[in-house]
N, C-alpha and C. Protein backbone atom coordinates (compact mmCIF):
# COMPACT_ATOMS: atom_id res chain seq x y z
N LEU A 1 64.06 -17.22 -20.18
CA LEU A 1 63.92 -18.62 -19.79
C LEU A 1 64.91 -19.53 -20.50
N HIS A 2 65.69 -18.99 -21.43
CA HIS A 2 66.64 -19.84 -22.15
C HIS A 2 67.73 -20.40 -21.22
N ASP A 3 67.94 -19.78 -20.07
CA ASP A 3 68.92 -20.29 -19.10
C ASP A 3 68.29 -21.20 -18.04
N ALA A 4 66.96 -21.39 -18.11
CA ALA A 4 66.28 -22.20 -17.10
C ALA A 4 66.42 -23.69 -17.42
N LYS A 5 66.62 -24.47 -16.37
CA LYS A 5 66.75 -25.92 -16.48
C LYS A 5 65.43 -26.62 -16.14
N SER A 6 64.77 -26.15 -15.08
CA SER A 6 63.50 -26.74 -14.66
C SER A 6 62.73 -25.76 -13.80
N CYS A 7 61.44 -26.05 -13.61
CA CYS A 7 60.64 -25.26 -12.69
C CYS A 7 59.67 -26.18 -11.96
N ASN A 8 59.35 -25.81 -10.74
CA ASN A 8 58.44 -26.59 -9.91
C ASN A 8 57.63 -25.64 -9.05
N SER A 9 56.36 -25.95 -8.90
CA SER A 9 55.56 -25.19 -7.94
C SER A 9 55.52 -25.98 -6.65
N ARG A 10 55.46 -25.26 -5.54
CA ARG A 10 55.41 -25.95 -4.26
C ARG A 10 54.67 -25.10 -3.24
N THR A 11 54.17 -25.79 -2.23
CA THR A 11 53.53 -25.13 -1.11
C THR A 11 54.37 -25.38 0.12
N SER A 12 54.33 -24.46 1.03
CA SER A 12 55.01 -24.63 2.31
C SER A 12 53.93 -24.64 3.39
N PRO A 13 53.67 -25.80 3.96
CA PRO A 13 52.63 -25.85 5.01
C PRO A 13 53.09 -25.16 6.28
N GLU A 14 52.15 -24.51 6.93
CA GLU A 14 52.44 -23.80 8.17
C GLU A 14 52.53 -24.77 9.34
N ASN A 15 51.80 -25.88 9.24
CA ASN A 15 51.83 -26.85 10.33
C ASN A 15 52.24 -28.22 9.79
N HIS A 16 52.50 -29.16 10.66
CA HIS A 16 53.00 -30.46 10.25
C HIS A 16 51.95 -31.33 9.55
N SER A 17 50.68 -31.06 9.76
CA SER A 17 49.64 -31.86 9.11
C SER A 17 49.42 -31.42 7.67
N GLY A 18 49.95 -30.26 7.28
CA GLY A 18 49.84 -29.77 5.91
C GLY A 18 48.49 -29.19 5.57
N GLU A 19 47.66 -28.93 6.56
CA GLU A 19 46.32 -28.42 6.31
C GLU A 19 46.29 -26.93 5.99
N ILE A 20 47.24 -26.19 6.51
CA ILE A 20 47.28 -24.74 6.30
C ILE A 20 48.46 -24.40 5.39
N ILE A 21 48.18 -23.71 4.30
CA ILE A 21 49.25 -23.32 3.37
C ILE A 21 49.80 -21.97 3.79
N ASP A 22 51.10 -21.93 4.03
CA ASP A 22 51.78 -20.71 4.43
C ASP A 22 52.28 -19.93 3.22
N LYS A 23 52.80 -20.66 2.22
CA LYS A 23 53.36 -20.02 1.02
C LYS A 23 53.11 -20.86 -0.22
N LEU A 24 52.95 -20.20 -1.36
CA LEU A 24 52.93 -20.82 -2.68
C LEU A 24 54.03 -20.16 -3.48
N VAL A 25 54.93 -20.96 -4.04
CA VAL A 25 56.05 -20.41 -4.80
C VAL A 25 56.31 -21.25 -6.05
N ILE A 26 57.01 -20.65 -6.99
CA ILE A 26 57.55 -21.37 -8.14
C ILE A 26 59.06 -21.26 -8.04
N ASP A 27 59.73 -22.41 -8.08
CA ASP A 27 61.19 -22.46 -8.08
C ASP A 27 61.67 -22.67 -9.51
N ILE A 28 62.53 -21.78 -9.99
CA ILE A 28 63.12 -21.95 -11.33
C ILE A 28 64.61 -22.23 -11.12
N GLU A 29 65.02 -23.42 -11.54
CA GLU A 29 66.43 -23.81 -11.44
C GLU A 29 67.11 -23.50 -12.77
N PHE A 30 68.28 -22.87 -12.69
CA PHE A 30 68.99 -22.47 -13.90
C PHE A 30 70.11 -23.45 -14.24
N LYS A 31 70.46 -23.46 -15.51
CA LYS A 31 71.52 -24.33 -16.02
C LYS A 31 72.89 -23.88 -15.51
N GLU A 32 73.85 -24.78 -15.62
CA GLU A 32 75.26 -24.50 -15.36
C GLU A 32 75.51 -23.92 -13.97
N GLY A 33 74.77 -24.40 -12.98
CA GLY A 33 75.01 -23.98 -11.61
C GLY A 33 74.74 -22.52 -11.32
N LYS A 34 73.86 -21.91 -12.09
CA LYS A 34 73.56 -20.48 -11.90
C LYS A 34 72.53 -20.24 -10.80
N GLY A 35 72.18 -21.28 -10.06
CA GLY A 35 71.30 -21.11 -8.91
C GLY A 35 69.83 -21.30 -9.21
N THR A 36 69.02 -20.89 -8.25
CA THR A 36 67.57 -21.04 -8.32
C THR A 36 66.92 -19.71 -7.98
N LYS A 37 65.88 -19.38 -8.70
CA LYS A 37 65.08 -18.18 -8.43
C LYS A 37 63.75 -18.64 -7.85
N ILE A 38 63.35 -18.07 -6.74
CA ILE A 38 62.09 -18.40 -6.10
C ILE A 38 61.11 -17.26 -6.36
N LEU A 39 59.99 -17.59 -7.00
CA LEU A 39 58.96 -16.59 -7.29
C LEU A 39 57.79 -16.80 -6.34
N PRO A 40 57.64 -15.96 -5.32
CA PRO A 40 56.52 -16.12 -4.40
C PRO A 40 55.21 -15.62 -5.01
N LEU A 41 54.16 -16.43 -4.92
CA LEU A 41 52.86 -16.05 -5.45
C LEU A 41 51.81 -15.88 -4.36
N PHE A 42 52.06 -16.42 -3.19
CA PHE A 42 51.17 -16.24 -2.05
C PHE A 42 51.97 -16.39 -0.77
N SER A 43 51.67 -15.54 0.20
CA SER A 43 52.26 -15.66 1.53
C SER A 43 51.19 -15.30 2.54
N SER A 44 51.02 -16.14 3.54
CA SER A 44 50.02 -15.88 4.56
C SER A 44 50.37 -14.65 5.39
N GLU A 45 51.62 -14.20 5.30
CA GLU A 45 52.03 -12.98 6.00
C GLU A 45 51.34 -11.75 5.40
N ASN A 46 51.04 -11.82 4.09
CA ASN A 46 50.47 -10.68 3.39
C ASN A 46 48.96 -10.79 3.18
N LYS A 47 48.43 -12.01 3.27
CA LYS A 47 47.02 -12.24 2.97
C LYS A 47 46.51 -13.34 3.87
N LEU A 48 45.30 -13.23 4.31
CA LEU A 48 44.76 -14.19 5.26
C LEU A 48 44.23 -15.47 4.62
N ALA A 49 43.68 -15.40 3.41
CA ALA A 49 43.08 -16.59 2.81
C ALA A 49 43.47 -16.72 1.34
N LEU A 50 43.49 -17.95 0.87
CA LEU A 50 43.76 -18.22 -0.54
C LEU A 50 42.51 -17.96 -1.36
N ASP A 51 42.68 -17.34 -2.50
CA ASP A 51 41.59 -17.20 -3.46
C ASP A 51 41.92 -18.11 -4.63
N ALA A 52 42.45 -17.55 -5.70
CA ALA A 52 42.80 -18.33 -6.88
C ALA A 52 44.30 -18.54 -7.00
N GLU A 53 45.06 -18.25 -5.95
CA GLU A 53 46.52 -18.33 -6.02
C GLU A 53 47.03 -19.73 -6.39
N LYS A 54 46.40 -20.77 -5.89
CA LYS A 54 46.87 -22.12 -6.18
C LYS A 54 46.69 -22.44 -7.67
N VAL A 55 45.57 -22.06 -8.25
CA VAL A 55 45.33 -22.27 -9.68
C VAL A 55 46.30 -21.44 -10.50
N ILE A 56 46.51 -20.20 -10.11
CA ILE A 56 47.44 -19.32 -10.82
C ILE A 56 48.87 -19.87 -10.74
N THR A 57 49.27 -20.39 -9.59
CA THR A 57 50.60 -20.96 -9.43
C THR A 57 50.80 -22.13 -10.39
N GLU A 58 49.85 -23.04 -10.47
CA GLU A 58 49.96 -24.18 -11.38
C GLU A 58 49.97 -23.74 -12.84
N LYS A 59 49.18 -22.73 -13.16
CA LYS A 59 49.13 -22.21 -14.53
C LYS A 59 50.49 -21.64 -14.94
N TRP A 60 51.11 -20.84 -14.04
CA TRP A 60 52.43 -20.27 -14.33
C TRP A 60 53.49 -21.36 -14.42
N ASN A 61 53.40 -22.36 -13.55
CA ASN A 61 54.35 -23.46 -13.59
C ASN A 61 54.29 -24.17 -14.94
N LYS A 62 53.11 -24.45 -15.45
CA LYS A 62 52.96 -25.10 -16.76
C LYS A 62 53.46 -24.21 -17.88
N THR A 63 53.14 -22.91 -17.81
CA THR A 63 53.56 -21.97 -18.86
C THR A 63 55.09 -21.86 -18.89
N ILE A 64 55.71 -21.71 -17.74
CA ILE A 64 57.17 -21.61 -17.67
C ILE A 64 57.80 -22.92 -18.13
N GLY A 65 57.30 -24.04 -17.64
CA GLY A 65 57.84 -25.35 -18.02
C GLY A 65 57.77 -25.60 -19.52
N ALA A 66 56.69 -25.15 -20.15
CA ALA A 66 56.53 -25.34 -21.60
C ALA A 66 57.48 -24.46 -22.40
N ASN A 67 58.00 -23.41 -21.79
CA ASN A 67 58.87 -22.47 -22.52
C ASN A 67 60.33 -22.57 -22.16
N ILE A 68 60.69 -23.55 -21.38
CA ILE A 68 62.10 -23.75 -21.04
C ILE A 68 62.81 -24.36 -22.25
N ALA A 69 63.90 -23.74 -22.62
CA ALA A 69 64.64 -24.20 -23.81
C ALA A 69 65.49 -25.41 -23.49
């Protein structure tokens, strides 16, 4: 994580009203133009319903954010 600049968790809604979550991911942006890494934590393609993925996503986002140098 010493090369990480920032991290953000985000959801990708499946429809325009935002009621159905299609994906939960964490985006890690790296310093010096080294790009972004997307860590998928949930995808509706692989699982039909959310369990604790949203809580886990926020927990990882906070943990990663706290450890960025």
